[in-house]
Amino acid sequence: MREILGRRLQRLRNRLQSLRPAPRQSDPSALPLLDAALTCATAWQWPVLPGVGRSGTDSARCACPDPDCVVPGAHPFDPGLLAATTDPRMVAWWWTNRPTASVLLATGGAAPCAVSLPAAAAAQAVVRLDAQGMRLGPVVATPTRWSLLVAPYSLERLGELLYAKDHVPSSLRFHGEGGYLLLPPSTASGGGHVRWEREPAQDGGIWLPEVEAVVDALVEASTGAPGGGSRLAY
């Protein structure tokens, strides 16, 4: 199935070639990012857009106007988040002109949402959830945080879920409606690369757990961690 998907993407790139402007520069890193963006948009129907990128001679600064940006290069700016699309022609145009741009998923709506937590805690939590028989979907990993993809949910639904809990680990972050998530093989804002800890199914039949099930399982894992209490922050 991976080979079939690869051939489909190659045919799509060939069809789009005549529509693309000439690349600004030759960059061998462009192809994996373009492939990833096209896979998200066409095979999985996930709306994507390019991250803002970095600037400066050492590429250490974010290209946005904020000199104190906390996620340099790894957030939307121009285009803004509302421009996220599944149109392969737009995706090809973006990454042809900005070949090293990170791949951002616009979460919510019909697209997946996510729950993220610190990497060390996530690795241990995933082991515990597997042992408990919890069925997880794709997992995105950066050097500092892992994100567990979940089925789309509304902000109202999330609010009701959190209100009903006696406690929720403060280290959890929620990427829901109106949010975004950095996808592989982008460069993480703090350095290193984004990767799939658990890849989506290559046939497009991607299963996503409900947010309630994931949060319930993570709260239980936190409570049962050595030492007790909220241990998803280590």
Foldseek 3Di string as FASTA:
>chain_A
DLVVLVVVLVVVCVVLVVVEDAAPDDDPQLVVQLSVQLCCLPLQVFFKDFFQFADDPVSLAAPDPDRPDPWRLFAHDVVHLVVTHSPSNVSRHRCSHVRQTFIKTQAADQHWKKKKFFPVLVVVLVVVCVVVVNDFFWWKDDNTMIITTAGADDPVVVVVLCVPDPDAQPRMDIAHHRGMDTAPQHAGSVGDGMDIPGDADSNNPTDGHHPSSVRVSQVVCQQPPPPGDRDRHD
